[in-house]
Protein backbone atom coordinates (compact mmCIF):
# COMPACT_ATOMS: atom_id res chain seq x y z
CA MET A 1 0.00 0.00 0.00
CA THR A 2 1.08 3.53 -0.51
CA THR A 3 0.42 6.96 0.86
CA ASN A 4 0.85 9.63 -1.80
CA SER A 5 2.51 7.01 -4.06
CA LYS A 6 5.21 6.39 -1.45
CA PRO A 7 5.50 2.91 0.12
CA ILE A 8 4.51 2.70 3.76
CA THR A 9 7.50 1.84 5.93
CA PRO A 10 7.28 -0.59 8.87
CA ASP A 11 7.82 2.36 11.24
CA GLU A 12 4.83 4.18 9.73
CA ALA A 13 2.69 1.05 9.93
CA ILE A 14 3.23 0.65 13.66
CA ASP A 15 3.23 4.35 14.61
CA PRO A 16 0.36 4.63 17.14
CA SER A 17 -0.43 8.17 16.00
CA ARG A 18 -1.16 6.79 12.52
CA ALA A 19 -3.03 3.62 13.56
CA LEU A 20 -6.37 4.99 12.36
CA VAL A 21 -5.18 6.25 8.97
CA PRO A 22 -7.12 4.08 6.48
CA SER A 23 -4.07 3.20 4.33
CA ILE A 24 -2.10 2.22 7.46
CA GLN A 25 -5.02 0.12 8.72
CA GLN A 26 -5.19 -1.64 5.37
CA VAL A 27 -1.44 -2.41 5.37
CA ASN A 28 -1.60 -3.65 8.97
CA GLU A 29 -4.63 -5.83 8.24
CA VAL A 30 -2.88 -7.50 5.30
CA ARG A 31 0.31 -8.00 7.34
CA VAL A 32 -1.63 -9.52 10.21
CA GLN A 33 -3.72 -11.77 7.95
CA ARG A 34 -0.60 -13.14 6.29
CA GLY A 35 1.75 -13.38 9.22
CA PHE A 36 -0.16 -13.83 12.47
CA TRP A 37 -0.92 -17.56 12.54
CA PRO A 38 2.45 -18.66 11.13
CA LYS A 39 4.20 -16.64 13.85
CA ILE A 40 1.89 -17.92 16.60
CA ARG A 41 2.52 -21.51 15.47
CA ARG A 42 6.29 -20.91 15.75
CA THR A 43 6.23 -19.02 19.04
CA ALA A 44 3.15 -19.89 21.13
CA ALA A 45 5.01 -22.36 23.32
CA ARG A 46 7.74 -19.78 24.07
CA ILE A 47 5.71 -16.67 24.83
CA PRO A 48 3.75 -16.34 28.07
CA PHE A 49 1.36 -13.82 26.50
CA ALA A 50 0.13 -16.13 23.69
CA ARG A 51 -3.44 -16.27 25.02
CA GLN A 52 -3.62 -12.49 25.28
CA ILE A 53 -2.30 -11.84 21.78
CA VAL A 54 -4.60 -14.43 20.22
CA SER A 55 -7.52 -12.84 22.13
CA VAL A 56 -6.56 -9.49 20.58
CA TRP A 57 -6.54 -11.16 17.15
CA TYR A 58 -10.09 -12.43 17.66
CA ALA A 59 -11.24 -9.04 18.99
CA ALA A 60 -9.73 -7.26 15.97
CA ARG A 61 -11.67 -9.58 13.64
CA ASP A 62 -14.98 -9.19 15.50
CA PRO A 63 -17.50 -7.02 13.59
CA GLU A 64 -18.76 -5.71 16.95
CA THR A 65 -15.38 -4.22 17.88
CA PRO A 66 -15.35 -0.47 17.15
CA ALA A 67 -13.27 0.58 14.13
CA ALA A 68 -10.94 2.79 16.20
CA ALA A 69 -10.16 -0.08 18.59
CA LYS A 70 -9.60 -2.43 15.63
CA GLY A 71 -7.12 0.01 14.09
CA VAL A 72 -5.01 0.11 17.25
CA MET A 73 -5.29 -3.66 17.69
CA LEU A 74 -4.14 -4.26 14.12
CA GLY A 75 -1.18 -1.94 14.73
CA ALA A 76 -0.17 -3.93 17.80
CA LEU A 77 -0.62 -7.24 15.98
CA ALA A 78 1.39 -5.92 13.02
CA TYR A 79 4.20 -5.02 15.43
CA PHE A 80 4.15 -8.61 16.71
CA VAL A 81 4.21 -10.01 13.17
CA LEU A 82 6.97 -7.75 11.82
CA PRO A 83 10.34 -9.49 11.82
CA VAL A 84 12.14 -6.26 12.71
CA ASP A 85 11.22 -4.54 15.94
CA ALA A 86 12.83 -2.81 18.91
CA ILE A 87 14.24 -6.05 20.33
CA PRO A 88 14.62 -8.76 17.67
CA ASP A 89 12.69 -11.90 18.58
CA ILE A 90 15.74 -14.09 17.95
CA PHE A 91 17.29 -13.01 21.26
CA ALA A 92 16.40 -15.74 23.74
CA GLY A 93 14.76 -14.54 26.91
CA ILE A 94 14.36 -10.89 25.94
CA GLY A 95 13.33 -11.02 22.29
CA PHE A 96 9.61 -10.84 22.97
CA THR A 97 9.67 -8.33 25.84
CA ASP A 98 8.87 -5.42 23.53
CA ASP A 99 5.99 -7.38 21.97
CA ALA A 100 4.70 -8.21 25.46
CA ALA A 101 4.89 -4.53 26.44
CA VAL A 102 2.88 -3.51 23.36
CA ILE A 103 0.19 -6.12 24.06
CA THR A 104 0.09 -5.22 27.77
CA ALA A 105 -0.39 -1.53 26.93
CA LEU A 106 -3.07 -2.40 24.39
CA ILE A 107 -4.97 -4.53 26.89
CA ALA A 108 -4.65 -1.82 29.54
CA THR A 109 -6.23 0.73 27.22
CA LEU A 110 -8.61 -1.34 25.08
CA GLY A 111 -9.22 -4.38 27.27
CA ALA A 112 -12.95 -3.63 27.48
CA HIS A 113 -13.19 -4.55 23.79
CA ILE A 114 -11.64 -7.98 24.38
CA LYS A 115 -14.66 -10.01 25.39
CA ARG A 116 -14.94 -13.39 27.11
CA ARG A 117 -15.77 -14.97 23.72
CA HIS A 118 -12.46 -13.69 22.30
CA LYS A 119 -10.59 -15.22 25.23
CA ASP A 120 -12.47 -18.50 24.82
CA GLN A 121 -11.72 -18.54 21.09
CA ALA A 122 -8.04 -17.89 21.86
CA GLU A 123 -7.90 -20.72 24.38
CA ALA A 124 -9.53 -23.13 21.91
CA ALA A 125 -7.17 -22.08 19.10
CA LEU A 126 -4.09 -22.53 21.29
CA GLU A 127 -5.37 -25.92 22.41
CA ARG A 128 -5.69 -26.98 18.77
CA LEU A 129 -2.10 -25.83 18.16
CA ARG A 130 -0.89 -27.90 21.11
CA ASP A 131 -2.59 -30.95 19.60
CA ILE A 132 -0.75 -30.62 16.29
C-alpha cells in the first residue's frame, strides 16, 4: 500500500499516532492476515502472552469491535508479526519483551473490547495448536 505514491515503511505502519489512517489500517490488516498464525505456530510455546495476543486477534476480527479499537489492535498485531522490531525476537529470553509490552499496553487501554468470547476462542485455538 502507498500513501501519496510512497511505500509505507514498517515504522509508519506501527506508529500509534497513525493507527487509524485508512491506508495504514489496510497495510496492517494485510500484514496480520498473512503473518499472524504462522508466527503464533512458531512461538506460542515460548511466549507467556500467547493467550492475550490471540484474544486481541479475535477481537480485531470481530465485527462488533469499534473501528478505532480495531485500528489500534491491528497496529499492535502488526508489530508482533513484523520481523524487525525494537528487540529482535531471535534473542532468547528478551526477544519478545517489547511485543509483550505492546500487548500489555493495548490490553490496559482497550481491554474492554476484548470479550470473554475472544478469550475462549483464543484458548480453543491454542489448544488446537498444542494438539498438532
